Amino acid sequence: MTLEERAEKAVALKVSGGYNCSQAVTAALADQTSLTEEQLKSLAAGFCAGMGNLQATCGAIIGAGMVAGMATEGKGTLPVARKIQETFRDRCGAIKCGDLKAMTDGKPLCPCDECVRNAVMIYGEVMGLK
């Protein structure tokens, strides 16, 4: 599966209503871990709407960070997670869910489907996926 296909899978999962942003990202990147999509869906369940509905860090970024932790086996994960967050902020304009959803001219800074797409794409770019 290409990186673009993974990103579109994440968007489709999010739009389906059965996955939150964090779950959609982890499920789309499940093959980067030793866990199943269902296990990742359970693990990421509490990281929606900005860290458990607090409008804090975007769940899509958290999902990408969780997968990065598994892919690096916890070794050197911090700089990878930082790069994911910095790139996401540069691309989307913010990293906090509340800021991303803030309405300007009748539309959010970055809608959830774009956050999910960007998180998967950025994970792939940082980790060298094709």
N, C-alpha and C. Protein backbone atom coordinates (compact mmCIF):
# COMPACT_ATOMS: atom_id res chain seq x y z
N MET A 1 0.85 -1.18 0.00
CA MET A 1 0.00 0.00 0.00
C MET A 1 0.90 1.24 0.00
N THR A 2 0.61 2.18 -0.88
CA THR A 2 1.40 3.40 -0.94
C THR A 2 1.05 4.32 0.24
N LEU A 3 1.89 5.30 0.45
CA LEU A 3 1.64 6.27 1.50
C LEU A 3 0.33 7.02 1.25
N GLU A 4 0.10 7.40 0.01
CA GLU A 4 -1.14 8.09 -0.33
C GLU A 4 -2.36 7.21 -0.08
N GLU A 5 -2.26 5.91 -0.39
CA GLU A 5 -3.35 4.98 -0.13
C GLU A 5 -3.60 4.84 1.37
N ARG A 6 -2.54 4.82 2.16
CA ARG A 6 -2.68 4.77 3.62
C ARG A 6 -3.42 6.01 4.12
N ALA A 7 -3.02 7.17 3.59
CA ALA A 7 -3.65 8.43 4.01
C ALA A 7 -5.14 8.43 3.65
N GLU A 8 -5.46 7.95 2.48
CA GLU A 8 -6.87 7.90 2.07
C GLU A 8 -7.65 6.88 2.90
N LYS A 9 -7.00 5.78 3.27
CA LYS A 9 -7.65 4.80 4.15
C LYS A 9 -7.97 5.45 5.49
N ALA A 10 -7.03 6.20 6.03
CA ALA A 10 -7.26 6.88 7.31
C ALA A 10 -8.44 7.84 7.21
N VAL A 11 -8.49 8.59 6.13
CA VAL A 11 -9.60 9.54 5.94
C VAL A 11 -10.93 8.78 5.85
N ALA A 12 -10.95 7.70 5.09
CA ALA A 12 -12.18 6.91 4.94
C ALA A 12 -12.64 6.35 6.28
N LEU A 13 -11.70 5.88 7.09
CA LEU A 13 -12.06 5.36 8.42
C LEU A 13 -12.64 6.47 9.29
N LYS A 14 -12.00 7.63 9.27
CA LYS A 14 -12.48 8.76 10.07
C LYS A 14 -13.87 9.19 9.62
N VAL A 15 -14.05 9.35 8.33
CA VAL A 15 -15.33 9.81 7.78
C VAL A 15 -16.44 8.79 8.02
N SER A 16 -16.08 7.52 8.16
CA SER A 16 -17.08 6.46 8.38
C SER A 16 -17.84 6.65 9.68
N GLY A 17 -17.25 7.39 10.62
CA GLY A 17 -17.89 7.60 11.91
C GLY A 17 -17.53 6.56 12.94
N GLY A 18 -16.86 5.50 12.54
CA GLY A 18 -16.50 4.44 13.46
C GLY A 18 -15.13 4.59 14.09
N TYR A 19 -14.39 5.60 13.67
CA TYR A 19 -13.02 5.81 14.16
C TYR A 19 -12.83 7.28 14.50
N ASN A 20 -12.13 7.54 15.60
CA ASN A 20 -11.73 8.92 15.87
C ASN A 20 -10.43 9.19 15.11
N CYS A 21 -9.91 10.39 15.19
CA CYS A 21 -8.71 10.76 14.42
C CYS A 21 -7.52 9.88 14.77
N SER A 22 -7.29 9.65 16.05
CA SER A 22 -6.16 8.84 16.47
C SER A 22 -6.32 7.39 16.01
N GLN A 23 -7.51 6.86 16.13
CA GLN A 23 -7.78 5.49 15.70
C GLN A 23 -7.59 5.34 14.19
N ALA A 24 -8.03 6.31 13.43
CA ALA A 24 -7.92 6.23 11.97
C ALA A 24 -6.45 6.21 11.54
N VAL A 25 -5.64 7.04 12.17
CA VAL A 25 -4.21 7.08 11.83
C VAL A 25 -3.53 5.77 12.23
N THR A 26 -3.76 5.30 13.44
CA THR A 26 -3.10 4.06 13.87
C THR A 26 -3.53 2.87 13.02
N ALA A 27 -4.81 2.82 12.67
CA ALA A 27 -5.30 1.70 11.85
C ALA A 27 -4.67 1.72 10.46
N ALA A 28 -4.54 2.91 9.88
CA ALA A 28 -3.96 3.02 8.54
C ALA A 28 -2.47 2.66 8.53
N LEU A 29 -1.84 2.77 9.69
CA LEU A 29 -0.41 2.47 9.80
C LEU A 29 -0.16 1.18 10.58
N ALA A 30 -1.17 0.36 10.74
CA ALA A 30 -1.07 -0.84 11.57
C ALA A 30 0.07 -1.76 11.15
N ASP A 31 0.36 -1.84 9.87
CA ASP A 31 1.42 -2.74 9.43
C ASP A 31 2.82 -2.28 9.86
N GLN A 32 2.91 -1.09 10.42
CA GLN A 32 4.17 -0.58 10.95
C GLN A 32 4.39 -1.04 12.39
N THR A 33 3.43 -1.78 12.93
CA THR A 33 3.48 -2.23 14.32
C THR A 33 3.29 -3.74 14.38
N SER A 34 3.37 -4.27 15.58
CA SER A 34 3.11 -5.70 15.79
C SER A 34 1.67 -5.93 16.27
N LEU A 35 0.86 -4.87 16.27
CA LEU A 35 -0.52 -4.96 16.73
C LEU A 35 -1.49 -5.01 15.55
N THR A 36 -2.68 -5.51 15.80
CA THR A 36 -3.72 -5.52 14.78
C THR A 36 -4.42 -4.16 14.74
N GLU A 37 -5.17 -3.94 13.68
CA GLU A 37 -5.95 -2.70 13.59
C GLU A 37 -6.92 -2.59 14.77
N GLU A 38 -7.53 -3.69 15.16
CA GLU A 38 -8.48 -3.65 16.28
C GLU A 38 -7.79 -3.34 17.60
N GLN A 39 -6.60 -3.90 17.82
CA GLN A 39 -5.85 -3.58 19.04
C GLN A 39 -5.47 -2.10 19.06
N LEU A 40 -5.03 -1.60 17.92
CA LEU A 40 -4.67 -0.18 17.84
C LEU A 40 -5.89 0.71 18.02
N LYS A 41 -7.03 0.27 17.49
CA LYS A 41 -8.27 1.04 17.65
C LYS A 41 -8.61 1.15 19.14
N SER A 42 -8.45 0.08 19.87
CA SER A 42 -8.70 0.11 21.31
C SER A 42 -7.70 1.00 22.03
N LEU A 43 -6.43 0.85 21.69
CA LEU A 43 -5.37 1.64 22.32
C LEU A 43 -5.58 3.14 22.11
N ALA A 44 -6.02 3.53 20.92
CA ALA A 44 -6.15 4.95 20.57
C ALA A 44 -7.52 5.53 20.91
N ALA A 45 -8.40 4.74 21.50
CA ALA A 45 -9.79 5.18 21.73
C ALA A 45 -9.91 6.46 22.56
N GLY A 46 -9.04 6.69 23.51
CA GLY A 46 -9.16 7.83 24.40
C GLY A 46 -8.50 9.10 23.90
N PHE A 47 -7.95 9.07 22.70
CA PHE A 47 -7.17 10.21 22.22
C PHE A 47 -7.89 10.98 21.11
N CYS A 48 -9.16 11.22 21.33
CA CYS A 48 -9.95 11.98 20.36
C CYS A 48 -10.23 13.38 20.91
N ALA A 49 -10.63 14.25 20.01
CA ALA A 49 -11.02 15.62 20.37
C ALA A 49 -9.97 16.30 21.24
N GLY A 50 -8.73 16.08 20.89
CA GLY A 50 -7.63 16.75 21.59
C GLY A 50 -7.34 16.18 22.95
N MET A 51 -6.81 14.98 23.00
CA MET A 51 -6.42 14.30 24.25
C MET A 51 -7.62 14.10 25.17
N GLY A 52 -8.54 13.28 24.78
CA GLY A 52 -9.66 12.95 25.65
C GLY A 52 -10.68 14.07 25.76
N ASN A 53 -10.94 14.73 24.66
CA ASN A 53 -11.96 15.78 24.57
C ASN A 53 -11.58 17.05 25.33
N LEU A 54 -10.30 17.34 25.43
CA LEU A 54 -9.84 18.56 26.09
C LEU A 54 -9.40 19.63 25.10
N GLN A 55 -9.56 19.35 23.80
CA GLN A 55 -9.16 20.28 22.75
C GLN A 55 -7.65 20.57 22.79
N ALA A 56 -6.88 19.63 23.31
CA ALA A 56 -5.42 19.78 23.40
C ALA A 56 -4.78 19.17 22.15
N THR A 57 -3.68 18.44 22.29
CA THR A 57 -2.95 17.90 21.14
C THR A 57 -3.86 17.06 20.25
N CYS A 58 -3.79 17.32 18.97
CA CYS A 58 -4.60 16.63 17.97
C CYS A 58 -4.38 15.11 18.05
N GLY A 59 -5.48 14.37 18.07
CA GLY A 59 -5.40 12.92 18.14
C GLY A 59 -4.68 12.28 16.97
N ALA A 60 -4.76 12.91 15.80
CA ALA A 60 -4.06 12.37 14.63
C ALA A 60 -2.55 12.35 14.86
N ILE A 61 -2.04 13.43 15.47
CA ILE A 61 -0.60 13.49 15.79
C ILE A 61 -0.26 12.43 16.83
N ILE A 62 -1.11 12.29 17.81
CA ILE A 62 -0.87 11.29 18.86
C ILE A 62 -0.81 9.89 18.25
N GLY A 63 -1.73 9.60 17.34
CA GLY A 63 -1.72 8.30 16.67
C GLY A 63 -0.43 8.06 15.92
N ALA A 64 0.02 9.07 15.18
CA ALA A 64 1.29 8.94 14.44
C ALA A 64 2.45 8.74 15.41
N GLY A 65 2.41 9.43 16.54
CA GLY A 65 3.46 9.28 17.55
C GLY A 65 3.47 7.89 18.18
N MET A 66 2.28 7.34 18.42
CA MET A 66 2.20 5.98 18.97
C MET A 66 2.81 4.97 18.01
N VAL A 67 2.46 5.09 16.75
CA VAL A 67 3.01 4.16 15.75
C VAL A 67 4.52 4.35 15.63
N ALA A 68 4.98 5.58 15.67
CA ALA A 68 6.43 5.85 15.62
C ALA A 68 7.13 5.17 16.80
N GLY A 69 6.52 5.20 17.97
CA GLY A 69 7.11 4.55 19.13
C GLY A 69 7.25 3.06 18.93
N MET A 70 6.24 2.46 18.32
CA MET A 70 6.33 1.01 18.06
C MET A 70 7.33 0.71 16.95
N ALA A 71 7.34 1.55 15.91
CA ALA A 71 8.24 1.31 14.78
C ALA A 71 9.71 1.47 15.17
N THR A 72 9.98 2.36 16.12
CA THR A 72 11.35 2.58 16.58
C THR A 72 11.68 1.74 17.81
N GLU A 73 10.71 0.96 18.25
CA GLU A 73 10.85 0.15 19.46
C GLU A 73 11.25 1.01 20.65
N GLY A 74 10.78 2.26 20.65
CA GLY A 74 11.04 3.17 21.76
C GLY A 74 12.44 3.74 21.80
N LYS A 75 13.22 3.46 20.79
CA LYS A 75 14.61 3.95 20.76
C LYS A 75 14.70 5.09 19.75
N GLY A 76 14.97 6.29 20.23
CA GLY A 76 15.06 7.43 19.33
C GLY A 76 13.71 7.95 18.89
N THR A 77 12.68 7.63 19.64
CA THR A 77 11.32 8.03 19.27
C THR A 77 11.09 9.53 19.46
N LEU A 78 11.68 10.12 20.48
CA LEU A 78 11.42 11.52 20.78
C LEU A 78 11.73 12.46 19.61
N PRO A 79 12.90 12.37 18.98
CA PRO A 79 13.14 13.26 17.84
C PRO A 79 12.19 12.99 16.66
N VAL A 80 11.79 11.75 16.49
CA VAL A 80 10.83 11.42 15.43
C VAL A 80 9.49 12.07 15.73
N ALA A 81 9.02 11.92 16.98
CA ALA A 81 7.74 12.51 17.37
C ALA A 81 7.79 14.03 17.26
N ARG A 82 8.90 14.62 17.64
CA ARG A 82 9.06 16.08 17.53
C ARG A 82 8.97 16.52 16.07
N LYS A 83 9.65 15.78 15.18
CA LYS A 83 9.63 16.11 13.76
C LYS A 83 8.21 15.99 13.20
N ILE A 84 7.49 14.95 13.60
CA ILE A 84 6.10 14.78 13.17
C ILE A 84 5.28 15.98 13.62
N GLN A 85 5.41 16.38 14.88
CA GLN A 85 4.64 17.51 15.40
C GLN A 85 5.00 18.82 14.72
N GLU A 86 6.29 19.07 14.55
CA GLU A 86 6.72 20.33 13.93
C GLU A 86 6.26 20.42 12.48
N THR A 87 6.37 19.33 11.76
CA THR A 87 5.95 19.32 10.36
C THR A 87 4.43 19.48 10.27
N PHE A 88 3.71 18.82 11.16
CA PHE A 88 2.25 18.94 11.20
C PHE A 88 1.86 20.39 11.47
N ARG A 89 2.49 21.01 12.45
CA ARG A 89 2.19 22.41 12.77
C ARG A 89 2.46 23.31 11.57
N ASP A 90 3.57 23.08 10.90
CA ASP A 90 3.90 23.89 9.72
C ASP A 90 2.87 23.70 8.60
N ARG A 91 2.42 22.47 8.42
CA ARG A 91 1.49 22.15 7.33
C ARG A 91 0.04 22.54 7.66
N CYS A 92 -0.35 22.36 8.91
CA CYS A 92 -1.76 22.56 9.28
C CYS A 92 -2.02 23.88 10.01
N GLY A 93 -0.98 24.51 10.52
CA GLY A 93 -1.14 25.79 11.20
C GLY A 93 -1.22 25.71 12.71
N ALA A 94 -1.34 24.53 13.27
CA ALA A 94 -1.44 24.36 14.73
C ALA A 94 -1.29 22.88 15.04
N ILE A 95 -1.14 22.56 16.34
CA ILE A 95 -1.15 21.15 16.75
C ILE A 95 -2.25 20.86 17.76
N LYS A 96 -2.88 21.90 18.31
CA LYS A 96 -3.96 21.70 19.27
C LYS A 96 -5.30 21.58 18.54
N CYS A 97 -6.07 20.60 18.92
CA CYS A 97 -7.36 20.34 18.30
C CYS A 97 -8.25 21.59 18.32
N GLY A 98 -8.30 22.27 19.44
CA GLY A 98 -9.14 23.46 19.54
C GLY A 98 -8.74 24.53 18.55
N ASP A 99 -7.44 24.69 18.33
CA ASP A 99 -6.96 25.67 17.35
C ASP A 99 -7.24 25.21 15.92
N LEU A 100 -7.08 23.92 15.67
CA LEU A 100 -7.32 23.38 14.34
C LEU A 100 -8.79 23.47 13.94
N LYS A 101 -9.68 23.32 14.92
CA LYS A 101 -11.11 23.38 14.66
C LYS A 101 -11.68 24.79 14.73
N ALA A 102 -10.87 25.75 15.17
CA ALA A 102 -11.35 27.14 15.29
C ALA A 102 -11.83 27.64 13.93
N MET A 103 -12.99 28.25 13.92
CA MET A 103 -13.59 28.72 12.69
C MET A 103 -13.06 30.10 12.31
N THR A 104 -12.62 30.20 11.06
CA THR A 104 -12.19 31.46 10.47
C THR A 104 -12.88 31.56 9.12
N ASP A 105 -13.60 32.63 8.91
CA ASP A 105 -14.34 32.80 7.66
C ASP A 105 -15.25 31.62 7.37
N GLY A 106 -15.85 31.06 8.43
CA GLY A 106 -16.81 29.98 8.27
C GLY A 106 -16.24 28.60 8.05
N LYS A 107 -14.92 28.44 8.18
CA LYS A 107 -14.34 27.11 8.03
C LYS A 107 -13.22 26.93 9.05
N PRO A 108 -12.97 25.67 9.44
CA PRO A 108 -11.90 25.43 10.42
C PRO A 108 -10.52 25.64 9.81
N LEU A 109 -9.56 25.91 10.66
CA LEU A 109 -8.18 26.05 10.20
C LEU A 109 -7.75 24.80 9.43
N CYS A 110 -8.03 23.64 10.00
CA CYS A 110 -7.71 22.37 9.33
C CYS A 110 -8.74 21.33 9.79
N PRO A 111 -9.65 20.92 8.91
CA PRO A 111 -10.67 19.94 9.30
C PRO A 111 -10.05 18.59 9.66
N CYS A 112 -10.80 17.81 10.42
CA CYS A 112 -10.30 16.52 10.91
C CYS A 112 -9.81 15.61 9.79
N ASP A 113 -10.52 15.53 8.68
CA ASP A 113 -10.07 14.63 7.62
C ASP A 113 -8.70 15.05 7.08
N GLU A 114 -8.45 16.35 7.02
CA GLU A 114 -7.14 16.82 6.58
C GLU A 114 -6.07 16.57 7.65
N CYS A 115 -6.44 16.69 8.91
CA CYS A 115 -5.48 16.38 9.99
C CYS A 115 -5.06 14.92 9.91
N VAL A 116 -6.02 14.03 9.71
CA VAL A 116 -5.75 12.60 9.61
C VAL A 116 -4.86 12.32 8.39
N ARG A 117 -5.24 12.88 7.25
CA ARG A 117 -4.44 12.70 6.03
C ARG A 117 -3.01 13.20 6.25
N ASN A 118 -2.87 14.40 6.79
CA ASN A 118 -1.54 14.97 7.00
C ASN A 118 -0.72 14.17 8.00
N ALA A 119 -1.34 13.68 9.06
CA ALA A 119 -0.60 12.91 10.05
C ALA A 119 -0.01 11.64 9.43
N VAL A 120 -0.78 10.95 8.62
CA VAL A 120 -0.28 9.73 7.96
C VAL A 120 0.83 10.08 6.97
N MET A 121 0.61 11.11 6.17
CA MET A 121 1.61 11.52 5.18
C MET A 121 2.92 11.93 5.87
N ILE A 122 2.79 12.71 6.92
CA ILE A 122 3.99 13.18 7.63
C ILE A 122 4.72 12.02 8.29
N TYR A 123 3.97 11.11 8.92
CA TYR A 123 4.61 9.92 9.49
C TYR A 123 5.43 9.21 8.41
N GLY A 124 4.82 9.00 7.26
CA GLY A 124 5.50 8.31 6.18
C GLY A 124 6.72 9.05 5.68
N GLU A 125 6.61 10.36 5.56
CA GLU A 125 7.75 11.17 5.12
C GLU A 125 8.90 11.09 6.13
N VAL A 126 8.57 11.23 7.41
CA VAL A 126 9.60 11.20 8.46
C VAL A 126 10.24 9.81 8.56
N MET A 127 9.43 8.78 8.41
CA MET A 127 9.93 7.42 8.56
C MET A 127 10.44 6.81 7.25
N GLY A 128 10.35 7.55 6.16
CA GLY A 128 10.88 7.08 4.88
C GLY A 128 10.04 6.07 4.16
N LEU A 129 8.72 6.09 4.37
CA LEU A 129 7.84 5.18 3.64
C LEU A 129 7.57 5.73 2.25
N LYS A 130 7.24 4.88 1.34
CA LYS A 130 6.91 5.28 -0.04
C LYS A 130 5.43 5.35 -0.23
